[in-house]
């Protein structure tokens, strides 16, 4: 009976140690330079400029940016000779003091709040958490049973 309890405890510990590895699903991360696309999980980015727009999607969010190339800078011309020195300009006349500023207008009323959108679901629980809970229960139960046999 002692060996059976040790075997059950070792199985529980092995399940507990393996549960994080079983809980992870490998996200597909793919970047293709020839097709000019990249994906990671549910997100996708497209850098192909066929319709003059670069597009990226993640969940329900879509981002678009124009991809027209910037116009080339104008060619540099030879520097112009410096202008001849002119006589200094007379000082400007003193202006009258500025009138007092008018009071600021009242702020506009706040717009009505739109309905708040619900957040997307997070994925819920997986079987790995149940395995970990079962392993913990086996460890506790095995320890209590072993304690009873030892008495």
C-alpha atoms as a PDB file:
ATOM      1  CA  UNK A   1       0.000   0.000   0.000  1.00  0.00           C
ATOM      2  CA  UNK A   2       2.903   2.275   0.761  1.00  0.00           C
ATOM      3  CA  UNK A   3       4.281   1.826  -2.755  1.00  0.00           C
ATOM      4  CA  UNK A   4       0.878   2.567  -4.276  1.00  0.00           C
ATOM      5  CA  UNK A   5       0.641   5.832  -2.362  1.00  0.00           C
ATOM      6  CA  UNK A   6       4.163   6.784  -3.435  1.00  0.00           C
ATOM      7  CA  UNK A   7       3.234   6.023  -7.039  1.00  0.00           C
ATOM      8  CA  UNK A   8       0.077   8.162  -6.757  1.00  0.00           C
ATOM      9  CA  UNK A   9       2.075  11.017  -5.211  1.00  0.00           C
ATOM     10  CA  UNK A  10       4.726  10.807  -7.946  1.00  0.00           C
ATOM     11  CA  UNK A  11       2.013  10.840 -10.620  1.00  0.00           C
ATOM     12  CA  UNK A  12       0.413  13.887  -8.991  1.00  0.00           C
ATOM     13  CA  UNK A  13       3.742  15.729  -8.871  1.00  0.00           C
ATOM     14  CA  UNK A  14       4.457  14.850 -12.500  1.00  0.00           C
ATOM     15  CA  UNK A  15       1.025  16.164 -13.555  1.00  0.00           C
ATOM     16  CA  UNK A  16       1.593  19.314 -11.529  1.00  0.00           C
ATOM     17  CA  UNK A  17       4.977  19.874 -13.155  1.00  0.00           C
ATOM     18  CA  UNK A  18       3.634  19.233 -16.664  1.00  0.00           C
ATOM     19  CA  UNK A  19       0.511  21.402 -16.376  1.00  0.00           C
ATOM     20  CA  UNK A  20       2.150  24.712 -17.439  1.00  0.00           C
ATOM     21  CA  UNK A  21       3.572  23.062 -20.554  1.00  0.00           C
ATOM     22  CA  UNK A  22       0.180  21.582 -21.435  1.00  0.00           C
ATOM     23  CA  UNK A  23      -1.569  24.900 -20.849  1.00  0.00           C
ATOM     24  CA  UNK A  24       0.454  26.766 -23.463  1.00  0.00           C
ATOM     25  CA  UNK A  25      -0.690  26.609 -27.027  1.00  0.00           C
ATOM     26  CA  UNK A  26       1.937  27.661 -29.513  1.00  0.00           C
ATOM     27  CA  UNK A  27       0.860  30.856 -31.277  1.00  0.00           C
ATOM     28  CA  UNK A  28       1.501  30.820 -34.981  1.00  0.00           C
ATOM     29  CA  UNK A  29       3.941  33.618 -35.740  1.00  0.00           C
ATOM     30  CA  UNK A  30       4.680  33.851 -39.438  1.00  0.00           C
ATOM     31  CA  UNK A  31       6.449  36.589 -41.370  1.00  0.00           C
ATOM     32  CA  UNK A  32       6.717  36.243 -45.147  1.00  0.00           C
ATOM     33  CA  UNK A  33       9.028  38.745 -46.842  1.00  0.00           C
ATOM     34  CA  UNK A  34       8.005  37.784 -50.378  1.00  0.00           C
ATOM     35  CA  UNK A  35       4.269  38.183 -49.727  1.00  0.00           C
ATOM     36  CA  UNK A  36       4.950  41.165 -47.405  1.00  0.00           C
ATOM     37  CA  UNK A  37       2.662  39.848 -44.643  1.00  0.00           C
ATOM     38  CA  UNK A  38       3.088  38.995 -40.968  1.00  0.00           C
ATOM     39  CA  UNK A  39       0.711  37.126 -38.645  1.00  0.00           C
ATOM     40  CA  UNK A  40       0.866  36.469 -34.914  1.00  0.00           C
ATOM     41  CA  UNK A  41      -2.083  34.744 -33.297  1.00  0.00           C
ATOM     42  CA  UNK A  42      -5.130  36.667 -34.502  1.00  0.00           C
ATOM     43  CA  UNK A  43      -3.190  39.752 -35.620  1.00  0.00           C
ATOM     44  CA  UNK A  44      -2.269  40.265 -39.267  1.00  0.00           C
ATOM     45  CA  UNK A  45      -0.232  42.974 -40.999  1.00  0.00           C
ATOM     46  CA  UNK A  46      -0.005  43.473 -44.758  1.00  0.00           C
ATOM     47  CA  UNK A  47       2.726  45.696 -46.210  1.00  0.00           C
ATOM     48  CA  UNK A  48       1.952  45.069 -49.871  1.00  0.00           C
ATOM     49  CA  UNK A  49       1.220  48.422 -51.486  1.00  0.00           C
ATOM     50  CA  UNK A  50      -1.000  47.175 -54.329  1.00  0.00           C
ATOM     51  CA  UNK A  51      -4.010  49.355 -53.482  1.00  0.00           C
ATOM     52  CA  UNK A  52      -1.885  52.218 -52.057  1.00  0.00           C
ATOM     53  CA  UNK A  53      -2.824  51.302 -48.464  1.00  0.00           C
ATOM     54  CA  UNK A  54      -0.919  49.360 -45.810  1.00  0.00           C
ATOM     55  CA  UNK A  55      -3.301  47.500 -43.492  1.00  0.00           C
ATOM     56  CA  UNK A  56      -2.926  45.881 -40.060  1.00  0.00           C
ATOM     57  CA  UNK A  57      -5.642  43.984 -38.149  1.00  0.00           C
ATOM     58  CA  UNK A  58      -5.655  42.859 -34.512  1.00  0.00           C
ATOM     59  CA  UNK A  59      -8.918  41.582 -33.087  1.00  0.00           C
ATOM     60  CA  UNK A  60     -11.600  44.020 -34.197  1.00  0.00           C
ATOM     61  CA  UNK A  61      -9.181  46.908 -34.717  1.00  0.00           C
ATOM     62  CA  UNK A  62      -8.080  47.792 -38.241  1.00  0.00           C
ATOM     63  CA  UNK A  63      -5.286  50.294 -38.946  1.00  0.00           C
ATOM     64  CA  UNK A  64      -4.677  51.672 -42.433  1.00  0.00           C
ATOM     65  CA  UNK A  65      -1.957  53.994 -43.686  1.00  0.00           C
ATOM     66  CA  UNK A  66      -1.265  55.397 -47.149  1.00  0.00           C
ATOM     67  CA  UNK A  67       1.865  54.082 -48.766  1.00  0.00           C
ATOM     68  CA  UNK A  68       2.514  56.515 -51.591  1.00  0.00           C
ATOM     69  CA  UNK A  69       6.222  57.249 -51.760  1.00  0.00           C
ATOM     70  CA  UNK A  70       7.243  60.732 -50.713  1.00  0.00           C
ATOM     71  CA  UNK A  71       8.133  63.074 -53.599  1.00  0.00           C
ATOM     72  CA  UNK A  72      11.879  63.415 -54.157  1.00  0.00           C
ATOM     73  CA  UNK A  73      13.473  66.540 -52.712  1.00  0.00           C
ATOM     74  CA  UNK A  74      14.137  69.350 -55.172  1.00  0.00           C
ATOM     75  CA  UNK A  75      17.659  69.439 -56.597  1.00  0.00           C
ATOM     76  CA  UNK A  76      20.062  71.706 -54.789  1.00  0.00           C
ATOM     77  CA  UNK A  77      20.936  74.899 -56.662  1.00  0.00           C
ATOM     78  CA  UNK A  78      24.181  76.808 -56.385  1.00  0.00           C
ATOM     79  CA  UNK A  79      24.169  79.149 -53.403  1.00  0.00           C
ATOM     80  CA  UNK A  80      23.094  82.691 -54.235  1.00  0.00           C
ATOM     81  CA  UNK A  81      25.599  85.501 -53.617  1.00  0.00           C
ATOM     82  CA  UNK A  82      24.984  87.399 -50.373  1.00  0.00           C
ATOM     83  CA  UNK A  83      22.792  90.499 -50.792  1.00  0.00           C
ATOM     84  CA  UNK A  84      24.512  93.894 -50.511  1.00  0.00           C
ATOM     85  CA  UNK A  85      24.393  95.549 -47.134  1.00  0.00           C
ATOM     86  CA  UNK A  86      21.600  98.075 -46.800  1.00  0.00           C
ATOM     87  CA  UNK A  87      21.349 101.037 -44.441  1.00  0.00           C
ATOM     88  CA  UNK A  88      19.923 100.107 -41.025  1.00  0.00           C
ATOM     89  CA  UNK A  89      16.166 100.513 -40.792  1.00  0.00           C
ATOM     90  CA  UNK A  90      14.800 103.215 -38.463  1.00  0.00           C
ATOM     91  CA  UNK A  91      13.377 101.897 -35.144  1.00  0.00           C
ATOM     92  CA  UNK A  92       9.633 101.198 -35.261  1.00  0.00           C
ATOM     93  CA  UNK A  93       7.336 103.691 -33.516  1.00  0.00           C
ATOM     94  CA  UNK A  94       6.064 102.750 -30.071  1.00  0.00           C
ATOM     95  CA  UNK A  95       2.592 101.203 -30.172  1.00  0.00           C
ATOM     96  CA  UNK A  96      -0.265 102.032 -27.828  1.00  0.00           C
ATOM     97  CA  UNK A  97      -0.874  99.562 -24.954  1.00  0.00           C
ATOM     98  CA  UNK A  98      -3.039  96.592 -25.927  1.00  0.00           C
ATOM     99  CA  UNK A  99      -6.654  96.551 -24.704  1.00  0.00           C
ATOM    100  CA  UNK A 100      -7.654  94.081 -21.963  1.00  0.00           C
ATOM    101  CA  UNK A 101      -8.504  90.636 -23.361  1.00  0.00           C
ATOM    102  CA  UNK A 102     -12.183  89.674 -23.551  1.00  0.00           C
ATOM    103  CA  UNK A 103     -13.402  86.960 -21.135  1.00  0.00           C
ATOM    104  CA  UNK A 104     -13.204  83.415 -22.515  1.00  0.00           C
ATOM    105  CA  UNK A 105     -16.460  81.934 -23.838  1.00  0.00           C
ATOM    106  CA  UNK A 106     -18.269  79.354 -21.718  1.00  0.00           C
ATOM    107  CA  UNK A 107     -17.250  75.733 -22.453  1.00  0.00           C
ATOM    108  CA  UNK A 108     -19.569  73.762 -24.718  1.00  0.00           C
ATOM    109  CA  UNK A 109     -21.786  71.155 -23.035  1.00  0.00           C
ATOM    110  CA  UNK A 110     -20.312  67.648 -22.972  1.00  0.00           C
ATOM    111  CA  UNK A 111     -21.665  65.313 -25.692  1.00  0.00           C
ATOM    112  CA  UNK A 112     -23.868  62.401 -24.655  1.00  0.00           C
ATOM    113  CA  UNK A 113     -21.957  59.251 -23.851  1.00  0.00           C
ATOM    114  CA  UNK A 114     -22.191  56.456 -26.373  1.00  0.00           C
ATOM    115  CA  UNK A 115     -23.019  52.922 -25.323  1.00  0.00           C
ATOM    116  CA  UNK A 116     -19.905  51.245 -24.021  1.00  0.00           C
ATOM    117  CA  UNK A 117     -18.910  48.179 -25.977  1.00  0.00           C
ATOM    118  CA  UNK A 118     -18.372  44.901 -24.169  1.00  0.00           C
ATOM    119  CA  UNK A 119     -14.871  43.488 -24.079  1.00  0.00           C
ATOM    120  CA  UNK A 120     -14.185  40.315 -26.069  1.00  0.00           C
ATOM    121  CA  UNK A 121     -14.096  37.004 -24.187  1.00  0.00           C
ATOM    122  CA  UNK A 122     -10.715  36.052 -22.721  1.00  0.00           C
ATOM    123  CA  UNK A 123     -10.718  32.380 -23.607  1.00  0.00           C
ATOM    124  CA  UNK A 124     -11.921  30.944 -20.307  1.00  0.00           C
ATOM    125  CA  UNK A 125     -10.369  28.100 -18.380  1.00  0.00           C
ATOM    126  CA  UNK A 126      -8.556  25.154 -19.863  1.00  0.00           C
ATOM    127  CA  UNK A 127      -8.090  21.509 -18.917  1.00  0.00           C
ATOM    128  CA  UNK A 128      -4.619  22.284 -17.537  1.00  0.00           C
ATOM    129  CA  UNK A 129      -6.051  24.187 -14.590  1.00  0.00           C
ATOM    130  CA  UNK A 130      -8.303  21.226 -13.812  1.00  0.00           C
ATOM    131  CA  UNK A 131      -5.287  18.877 -13.946  1.00  0.00           C
ATOM    132  CA  UNK A 132      -3.412  21.138 -11.533  1.00  0.00           C
ATOM    133  CA  UNK A 133      -6.389  21.223  -9.176  1.00  0.00           C
ATOM    134  CA  UNK A 134      -6.687  17.439  -9.326  1.00  0.00           C
ATOM    135  CA  UNK A 135      -2.964  17.028  -8.680  1.00  0.00           C
ATOM    136  CA  UNK A 136      -3.215  19.241  -5.624  1.00  0.00           C
ATOM    137  CA  UNK A 137      -6.197  17.288  -4.338  1.00  0.00           C
ATOM    138  CA  UNK A 138      -4.302  14.011  -4.861  1.00  0.00           C
ATOM    139  CA  UNK A 139      -1.301  15.347  -2.977  1.00  0.00           C
ATOM    140  CA  UNK A 140      -3.393  16.495  -0.028  1.00  0.00           C
ATOM    141  CA  UNK A 141      -5.518  13.344   0.001  1.00  0.00           C
ATOM    142  CA  UNK A 142      -2.465  11.093  -0.305  1.00  0.00           C
ATOM    143  CA  UNK A 143      -0.755  12.908   2.536  1.00  0.00           C
ATOM    144  CA  UNK A 144      -3.788  12.580   4.782  1.00  0.00           C
ATOM    145  CA  UNK A 145      -4.166   8.896   3.929  1.00  0.00           C
ATOM    146  CA  UNK A 146      -0.463   8.228   4.551  1.00  0.00           C
ATOM    147  CA  UNK A 147      -0.724   9.998   7.893  1.00  0.00           C
ATOM    148  CA  UNK A 148      -3.643   7.798   8.877  1.00  0.00           C
ATOM    149  CA  UNK A 149      -1.723   4.616   7.965  1.00  0.00           C
ATOM    150  CA  UNK A 150       1.338   5.688   9.919  1.00  0.00           C
ATOM    151  CA  UNK A 151      -0.664   6.121  13.170  1.00  0.00           C
END
